[in-house]
Amino acid sequence: MSNIQPAVKKETINVAISTTIGVVLMWIVFVLLSVLLPEFWALEYTIFPAGICGGLVAVLNFLLMGLTVQKVAACEDEKMAQSLMRASYSRRMLLQVVWVIVAIAAPCFQFIAGILPLIFPSIGIKLVGIYKARKNS
């Protein structure tokens, strides 16, 4: 962990924060749905472990991508760099697919609460980009 570049650390922390905010907001929406529409949505304890695990998978995916980009940037052989990126992408997609299968199959996870956090890093990155663009204009 000591050889992680500061930019990768910083962005991973930002993604972890935005993912955590997204998971908490998701939990709040699930609670509100169970209160406002109890016949449609029952509150289950399984949303909490699913949200935590889904968030961890999402942040881990981003960290692994950042580490790969860091490694590729230091690579001088273009074919090797492309190979590293492809292999990283395949492994990260496999990680997410395995998590989705576990989230759906394991009764200890509410599958929607497990899968939704996988999109939170992307949403967080886009919102931060919009905020910075508005701030600089």
N, C-alpha and C. Protein backbone atom coordinates (compact mmCIF):
# COMPACT_ATOMS: atom_id res chain seq x y z
N MET A 1 0.82 -1.21 0.00
CA MET A 1 0.00 0.00 0.00
C MET A 1 0.85 1.27 0.00
N SER A 2 2.12 1.14 0.40
CA SER A 2 2.96 2.33 0.49
C SER A 2 3.37 2.87 -0.87
N ASN A 3 3.28 2.04 -1.92
CA ASN A 3 3.68 2.51 -3.24
C ASN A 3 2.50 3.00 -4.08
N ILE A 4 1.38 3.24 -3.44
CA ILE A 4 0.22 3.81 -4.15
C ILE A 4 0.46 5.30 -4.32
N GLN A 5 0.29 5.77 -5.54
CA GLN A 5 0.49 7.20 -5.81
C GLN A 5 -0.56 8.04 -5.08
N PRO A 6 -0.18 9.24 -4.68
CA PRO A 6 -1.11 10.10 -3.94
C PRO A 6 -2.43 10.36 -4.68
N ALA A 7 -2.38 10.50 -5.99
CA ALA A 7 -3.62 10.75 -6.75
C ALA A 7 -4.57 9.56 -6.67
N VAL A 8 -4.02 8.35 -6.71
CA VAL A 8 -4.85 7.15 -6.60
C VAL A 8 -5.47 7.07 -5.21
N LYS A 9 -4.67 7.36 -4.19
CA LYS A 9 -5.19 7.36 -2.82
C LYS A 9 -6.31 8.38 -2.66
N LYS A 10 -6.05 9.59 -3.15
CA LYS A 10 -7.02 10.68 -3.00
C LYS A 10 -8.33 10.35 -3.70
N GLU A 11 -8.25 9.88 -4.93
CA GLU A 11 -9.47 9.58 -5.67
C GLU A 11 -10.20 8.38 -5.09
N THR A 12 -9.46 7.41 -4.59
CA THR A 12 -10.11 6.26 -3.96
C THR A 12 -10.84 6.69 -2.70
N ILE A 13 -10.24 7.58 -1.93
CA ILE A 13 -10.91 8.11 -0.74
C ILE A 13 -12.17 8.86 -1.14
N ASN A 14 -12.08 9.68 -2.20
CA ASN A 14 -13.25 10.41 -2.68
C ASN A 14 -14.36 9.45 -3.12
N VAL A 15 -13.98 8.39 -3.82
CA VAL A 15 -14.96 7.40 -4.26
C VAL A 15 -15.56 6.68 -3.06
N ALA A 16 -14.74 6.37 -2.07
CA ALA A 16 -15.25 5.71 -0.85
C ALA A 16 -16.26 6.61 -0.14
N ILE A 17 -15.97 7.90 -0.08
CA ILE A 17 -16.89 8.84 0.57
C ILE A 17 -18.20 8.93 -0.21
N SER A 18 -18.11 9.11 -1.52
CA SER A 18 -19.34 9.23 -2.32
C SER A 18 -20.13 7.93 -2.31
N THR A 19 -19.45 6.80 -2.29
CA THR A 19 -20.14 5.51 -2.24
C THR A 19 -20.84 5.33 -0.89
N THR A 20 -20.17 5.72 0.17
CA THR A 20 -20.77 5.64 1.51
C THR A 20 -22.01 6.52 1.59
N ILE A 21 -21.92 7.73 1.06
CA ILE A 21 -23.08 8.63 1.04
C ILE A 21 -24.20 7.99 0.23
N GLY A 22 -23.87 7.42 -0.91
CA GLY A 22 -24.88 6.76 -1.73
C GLY A 22 -25.55 5.60 -1.02
N VAL A 23 -24.76 4.79 -0.31
CA VAL A 23 -25.33 3.65 0.42
C VAL A 23 -26.27 4.14 1.53
N VAL A 24 -25.85 5.15 2.26
CA VAL A 24 -26.70 5.69 3.34
C VAL A 24 -27.99 6.27 2.76
N LEU A 25 -27.88 7.02 1.67
CA LEU A 25 -29.09 7.55 1.03
C LEU A 25 -30.00 6.42 0.53
N MET A 26 -29.41 5.37 0.00
CA MET A 26 -30.19 4.21 -0.45
C MET A 26 -30.94 3.61 0.72
N TRP A 27 -30.26 3.44 1.86
CA TRP A 27 -30.92 2.90 3.04
C TRP A 27 -32.09 3.78 3.48
N ILE A 28 -31.89 5.09 3.44
CA ILE A 28 -32.96 6.03 3.82
C ILE A 28 -34.15 5.87 2.88
N VAL A 29 -33.89 5.76 1.59
CA VAL A 29 -34.98 5.57 0.62
C VAL A 29 -35.70 4.26 0.90
N PHE A 30 -34.96 3.20 1.20
CA PHE A 30 -35.60 1.92 1.49
C PHE A 30 -36.47 2.01 2.75
N VAL A 31 -36.00 2.71 3.77
CA VAL A 31 -36.80 2.89 4.98
C VAL A 31 -38.05 3.70 4.67
N LEU A 32 -37.90 4.78 3.90
CA LEU A 32 -39.06 5.59 3.53
C LEU A 32 -40.06 4.78 2.71
N LEU A 33 -39.57 3.96 1.78
CA LEU A 33 -40.47 3.11 1.00
C LEU A 33 -41.25 2.16 1.90
N SER A 34 -40.59 1.61 2.90
CA SER A 34 -41.27 0.67 3.79
C SER A 34 -42.31 1.37 4.67
N VAL A 35 -42.08 2.64 4.97
CA VAL A 35 -43.04 3.40 5.78
C VAL A 35 -44.20 3.89 4.92
N LEU A 36 -43.88 4.43 3.74
CA LEU A 36 -44.91 5.01 2.88
C LEU A 36 -45.69 3.97 2.08
N LEU A 37 -45.03 2.89 1.71
CA LEU A 37 -45.66 1.85 0.89
C LEU A 37 -45.42 0.46 1.49
N PRO A 38 -45.93 0.22 2.70
CA PRO A 38 -45.64 -1.05 3.36
C PRO A 38 -46.15 -2.28 2.59
N GLU A 39 -47.21 -2.11 1.82
CA GLU A 39 -47.73 -3.24 1.05
C GLU A 39 -46.86 -3.54 -0.17
N PHE A 40 -46.06 -2.57 -0.57
CA PHE A 40 -45.19 -2.71 -1.74
C PHE A 40 -43.76 -3.08 -1.34
N TRP A 41 -43.29 -2.50 -0.24
CA TRP A 41 -41.88 -2.65 0.14
C TRP A 41 -41.76 -2.92 1.63
N ALA A 42 -41.25 -4.09 1.97
CA ALA A 42 -41.02 -4.43 3.38
C ALA A 42 -39.56 -4.16 3.72
N LEU A 43 -39.35 -3.54 4.86
CA LEU A 43 -37.99 -3.27 5.30
C LEU A 43 -37.38 -4.55 5.85
N GLU A 44 -36.25 -4.93 5.30
CA GLU A 44 -35.56 -6.13 5.74
C GLU A 44 -34.17 -5.75 6.25
N TYR A 45 -33.72 -6.46 7.28
CA TYR A 45 -32.38 -6.19 7.81
C TYR A 45 -31.30 -6.46 6.76
N THR A 46 -31.62 -7.25 5.75
CA THR A 46 -30.65 -7.67 4.74
C THR A 46 -30.17 -6.53 3.84
N ILE A 47 -30.87 -5.38 3.90
CA ILE A 47 -30.39 -4.24 3.09
C ILE A 47 -29.07 -3.70 3.64
N PHE A 48 -28.86 -3.83 4.94
CA PHE A 48 -27.67 -3.26 5.53
C PHE A 48 -26.38 -4.02 5.17
N PRO A 49 -26.32 -5.32 5.37
CA PRO A 49 -25.09 -6.02 4.94
C PRO A 49 -24.91 -5.98 3.42
N ALA A 50 -26.01 -6.00 2.69
CA ALA A 50 -25.90 -5.95 1.23
C ALA A 50 -25.31 -4.61 0.78
N GLY A 51 -25.77 -3.53 1.38
CA GLY A 51 -25.24 -2.21 1.04
C GLY A 51 -23.77 -2.07 1.39
N ILE A 52 -23.40 -2.58 2.55
CA ILE A 52 -22.00 -2.51 2.97
C ILE A 52 -21.11 -3.31 2.02
N CYS A 53 -21.50 -4.54 1.76
CA CYS A 53 -20.67 -5.39 0.88
C CYS A 53 -20.64 -4.86 -0.55
N GLY A 54 -21.79 -4.41 -1.06
CA GLY A 54 -21.82 -3.83 -2.40
C GLY A 54 -20.95 -2.59 -2.49
N GLY A 55 -20.98 -1.75 -1.46
CA GLY A 55 -20.13 -0.57 -1.43
C GLY A 55 -18.65 -0.92 -1.40
N LEU A 56 -18.31 -1.94 -0.62
CA LEU A 56 -16.91 -2.38 -0.56
C LEU A 56 -16.44 -2.92 -1.91
N VAL A 57 -17.28 -3.68 -2.58
CA VAL A 57 -16.92 -4.19 -3.90
C VAL A 57 -16.73 -3.03 -4.87
N ALA A 58 -17.60 -2.04 -4.81
CA ALA A 58 -17.50 -0.88 -5.71
C ALA A 58 -16.20 -0.11 -5.49
N VAL A 59 -15.85 0.13 -4.23
CA VAL A 59 -14.63 0.87 -3.92
C VAL A 59 -13.39 0.04 -4.28
N LEU A 60 -13.43 -1.25 -4.00
CA LEU A 60 -12.32 -2.13 -4.36
C LEU A 60 -12.11 -2.14 -5.87
N ASN A 61 -13.20 -2.18 -6.62
CA ASN A 61 -13.11 -2.13 -8.08
C ASN A 61 -12.40 -0.85 -8.53
N PHE A 62 -12.76 0.28 -7.94
CA PHE A 62 -12.13 1.54 -8.31
C PHE A 62 -10.65 1.55 -7.93
N LEU A 63 -10.33 1.06 -6.74
CA LEU A 63 -8.94 1.02 -6.30
C LEU A 63 -8.11 0.14 -7.24
N LEU A 64 -8.63 -1.02 -7.60
CA LEU A 64 -7.90 -1.90 -8.51
C LEU A 64 -7.69 -1.25 -9.88
N MET A 65 -8.69 -0.50 -10.34
CA MET A 65 -8.55 0.21 -11.59
C MET A 65 -7.45 1.28 -11.47
N GLY A 66 -7.45 2.02 -10.38
CA GLY A 66 -6.43 3.04 -10.16
C GLY A 66 -5.03 2.46 -10.09
N LEU A 67 -4.89 1.33 -9.41
CA LEU A 67 -3.58 0.67 -9.33
C LEU A 67 -3.12 0.20 -10.71
N THR A 68 -4.06 -0.28 -11.51
CA THR A 68 -3.71 -0.72 -12.86
C THR A 68 -3.27 0.46 -13.72
N VAL A 69 -4.00 1.55 -13.65
CA VAL A 69 -3.62 2.74 -14.42
C VAL A 69 -2.25 3.23 -13.99
N GLN A 70 -1.99 3.20 -12.70
CA GLN A 70 -0.68 3.59 -12.18
C GLN A 70 0.41 2.68 -12.76
N LYS A 71 0.15 1.39 -12.80
CA LYS A 71 1.11 0.43 -13.33
C LYS A 71 1.30 0.60 -14.84
N VAL A 72 0.22 0.83 -15.55
CA VAL A 72 0.27 1.01 -17.01
C VAL A 72 1.03 2.28 -17.35
N ALA A 73 0.84 3.34 -16.57
CA ALA A 73 1.53 4.60 -16.83
C ALA A 73 3.05 4.43 -16.71
N ALA A 74 3.48 3.52 -15.87
CA ALA A 74 4.92 3.28 -15.69
C ALA A 74 5.47 2.28 -16.71
N CYS A 75 4.58 1.65 -17.46
CA CYS A 75 4.99 0.61 -18.41
C CYS A 75 5.46 1.26 -19.72
N GLU A 76 6.57 0.80 -20.24
CA GLU A 76 7.12 1.38 -21.47
C GLU A 76 6.70 0.62 -22.71
N ASP A 77 6.32 -0.62 -22.57
CA ASP A 77 5.89 -1.45 -23.68
C ASP A 77 4.38 -1.29 -23.88
N GLU A 78 3.99 -0.74 -25.04
CA GLU A 78 2.58 -0.45 -25.29
C GLU A 78 1.72 -1.72 -25.31
N LYS A 79 2.24 -2.79 -25.90
CA LYS A 79 1.46 -4.04 -25.93
C LYS A 79 1.28 -4.60 -24.52
N MET A 80 2.32 -4.51 -23.72
CA MET A 80 2.22 -4.97 -22.33
C MET A 80 1.21 -4.12 -21.57
N ALA A 81 1.21 -2.82 -21.81
CA ALA A 81 0.27 -1.91 -21.15
C ALA A 81 -1.17 -2.28 -21.52
N GLN A 82 -1.41 -2.52 -22.80
CA GLN A 82 -2.75 -2.91 -23.25
C GLN A 82 -3.16 -4.24 -22.62
N SER A 83 -2.23 -5.16 -22.56
CA SER A 83 -2.52 -6.47 -21.96
C SER A 83 -2.86 -6.33 -20.48
N LEU A 84 -2.12 -5.48 -19.77
CA LEU A 84 -2.41 -5.24 -18.35
C LEU A 84 -3.81 -4.65 -18.16
N MET A 85 -4.17 -3.69 -19.00
CA MET A 85 -5.49 -3.05 -18.89
C MET A 85 -6.61 -4.06 -19.17
N ARG A 86 -6.44 -4.86 -20.22
CA ARG A 86 -7.46 -5.86 -20.55
C ARG A 86 -7.62 -6.88 -19.42
N ALA A 87 -6.50 -7.35 -18.90
CA ALA A 87 -6.56 -8.34 -17.81
C ALA A 87 -7.22 -7.73 -16.58
N SER A 88 -6.87 -6.51 -16.27
CA SER A 88 -7.47 -5.83 -15.11
C SER A 88 -8.97 -5.68 -15.30
N TYR A 89 -9.37 -5.25 -16.47
CA TYR A 89 -10.80 -5.07 -16.76
C TYR A 89 -11.54 -6.39 -16.58
N SER A 90 -10.98 -7.47 -17.12
CA SER A 90 -11.63 -8.78 -17.02
C SER A 90 -11.75 -9.22 -15.57
N ARG A 91 -10.70 -9.06 -14.79
CA ARG A 91 -10.74 -9.46 -13.38
C ARG A 91 -11.73 -8.61 -12.59
N ARG A 92 -11.76 -7.31 -12.87
CA ARG A 92 -12.68 -6.44 -12.14
C ARG A 92 -14.13 -6.73 -12.51
N MET A 93 -14.39 -7.03 -13.78
CA MET A 93 -15.74 -7.41 -14.19
C MET A 93 -16.14 -8.73 -13.54
N LEU A 94 -15.21 -9.67 -13.48
CA LEU A 94 -15.48 -10.96 -12.84
C LEU A 94 -15.82 -10.74 -11.36
N LEU A 95 -15.06 -9.89 -10.69
CA LEU A 95 -15.34 -9.56 -9.29
C LEU A 95 -16.77 -9.06 -9.13
N GLN A 96 -17.18 -8.15 -10.00
CA GLN A 96 -18.52 -7.60 -9.90
C GLN A 96 -19.60 -8.62 -10.24
N VAL A 97 -19.36 -9.44 -11.25
CA VAL A 97 -20.33 -10.47 -11.62
C VAL A 97 -20.50 -11.48 -10.47
N VAL A 98 -19.38 -11.89 -9.89
CA VAL A 98 -19.46 -12.82 -8.75
C VAL A 98 -20.25 -12.18 -7.61
N TRP A 99 -19.98 -10.90 -7.34
CA TRP A 99 -20.72 -10.22 -6.27
C TRP A 99 -22.22 -10.17 -6.59
N VAL A 100 -22.58 -9.86 -7.83
CA VAL A 100 -23.99 -9.79 -8.20
C VAL A 100 -24.65 -11.16 -8.00
N ILE A 101 -23.98 -12.22 -8.39
CA ILE A 101 -24.52 -13.57 -8.20
C ILE A 101 -24.70 -13.87 -6.71
N VAL A 102 -23.70 -13.52 -5.91
CA VAL A 102 -23.80 -13.75 -4.46
C VAL A 102 -24.93 -12.91 -3.88
N ALA A 103 -25.03 -11.65 -4.30
CA ALA A 103 -26.08 -10.76 -3.78
C ALA A 103 -27.47 -11.29 -4.11
N ILE A 104 -27.61 -11.91 -5.26
CA ILE A 104 -28.90 -12.46 -5.65
C ILE A 104 -29.17 -13.79 -4.96
N ALA A 105 -28.16 -14.63 -4.87
CA ALA A 105 -28.35 -15.99 -4.37
C ALA A 105 -28.35 -16.11 -2.85
N ALA A 106 -27.57 -15.31 -2.16
CA ALA A 106 -27.44 -15.46 -0.71
C ALA A 106 -28.63 -14.81 0.00
N PRO A 107 -29.30 -15.56 0.87
CA PRO A 107 -30.47 -15.01 1.55
C PRO A 107 -30.14 -13.91 2.57
N CYS A 108 -28.87 -13.77 2.92
CA CYS A 108 -28.50 -12.74 3.89
C CYS A 108 -28.36 -11.36 3.24
N PHE A 109 -28.54 -11.28 1.92
CA PHE A 109 -28.44 -10.00 1.20
C PHE A 109 -29.73 -9.70 0.46
N GLN A 110 -30.18 -8.47 0.55
CA GLN A 110 -31.27 -7.99 -0.28
C GLN A 110 -30.61 -7.59 -1.60
N PHE A 111 -30.95 -8.25 -2.69
CA PHE A 111 -30.15 -8.12 -3.92
C PHE A 111 -30.13 -6.71 -4.50
N ILE A 112 -31.21 -5.97 -4.41
CA ILE A 112 -31.21 -4.61 -4.95
C ILE A 112 -30.23 -3.74 -4.16
N ALA A 113 -30.25 -3.88 -2.84
CA ALA A 113 -29.34 -3.13 -1.99
C ALA A 113 -27.90 -3.55 -2.18
N GLY A 114 -27.67 -4.74 -2.69
CA GLY A 114 -26.32 -5.21 -2.95
C GLY A 114 -25.78 -4.77 -4.30
N ILE A 115 -26.68 -4.63 -5.26
CA ILE A 115 -26.26 -4.30 -6.62
C ILE A 115 -26.17 -2.78 -6.85
N LEU A 116 -27.09 -2.03 -6.29
CA LEU A 116 -27.10 -0.57 -6.50
C LEU A 116 -25.78 0.13 -6.16
N PRO A 117 -25.09 -0.23 -5.09
CA PRO A 117 -23.83 0.46 -4.78
C PRO A 117 -22.77 0.37 -5.87
N LEU A 118 -22.90 -0.58 -6.78
CA LEU A 118 -21.91 -0.69 -7.85
C LEU A 118 -21.95 0.51 -8.79
N ILE A 119 -23.07 1.24 -8.82
CA ILE A 119 -23.14 2.42 -9.69
C ILE A 119 -22.83 3.72 -8.94
N PHE A 120 -22.73 3.66 -7.62
CA PHE A 120 -22.50 4.88 -6.84
C PHE A 120 -21.16 5.56 -7.14
N PRO A 121 -20.06 4.84 -7.35
CA PRO A 121 -18.81 5.55 -7.69
C PRO A 121 -18.94 6.39 -8.96
N SER A 122 -19.59 5.84 -9.97
CA SER A 122 -19.76 6.58 -11.22
C SER A 122 -20.61 7.83 -11.01
N ILE A 123 -21.68 7.69 -10.25
CA ILE A 123 -22.54 8.85 -9.96
C ILE A 123 -21.76 9.90 -9.17
N GLY A 124 -21.01 9.46 -8.17
CA GLY A 124 -20.22 10.39 -7.36
C GLY A 124 -19.19 11.14 -8.18
N ILE A 125 -18.49 10.43 -9.05
CA ILE A 125 -17.47 11.06 -9.90
C ILE A 125 -18.11 12.10 -10.81
N LYS A 126 -19.26 11.76 -11.38
CA LYS A 126 -19.95 12.71 -12.27
C LYS A 126 -20.44 13.95 -11.50
N LEU A 127 -20.99 13.74 -10.32
CA LEU A 127 -21.47 14.88 -9.53
C LEU A 127 -20.32 15.80 -9.10
N VAL A 128 -19.20 15.22 -8.71
CA VAL A 128 -18.03 16.03 -8.34
C VAL A 128 -17.54 16.81 -9.57
N GLY A 129 -17.52 16.16 -10.73
CA GLY A 129 -17.11 16.85 -11.96
C GLY A 129 -18.02 18.01 -12.30
N ILE A 130 -19.32 17.82 -12.15
CA ILE A 130 -20.28 18.90 -12.41
C ILE A 130 -20.07 20.04 -11.42
N TYR A 131 -19.88 19.69 -10.15
CA TYR A 131 -19.65 20.71 -9.12
C TYR A 131 -18.40 21.52 -9.41
N LYS A 132 -17.30 20.84 -9.77
CA LYS A 132 -16.06 21.54 -10.05
C LYS A 132 -16.18 22.41 -11.30
N ALA A 133 -16.89 21.94 -12.30
CA ALA A 133 -17.08 22.72 -13.53
C ALA A 133 -17.88 23.99 -13.24
N ARG A 134 -18.91 23.88 -12.43
CA ARG A 134 -19.72 25.06 -12.08
C ARG A 134 -18.93 26.03 -11.21
N LYS A 135 -18.10 25.48 -10.32
CA LYS A 135 -17.32 26.30 -9.42
C LYS A 135 -16.26 27.10 -10.19
N ASN A 136 -15.69 26.49 -11.23
CA ASN A 136 -14.62 27.15 -12.02
C ASN A 136 -15.17 28.09 -13.09
N SER A 137 -16.48 28.07 -13.34
CA SER A 137 -17.00 28.96 -14.39
C SER A 137 -17.60 30.21 -13.83
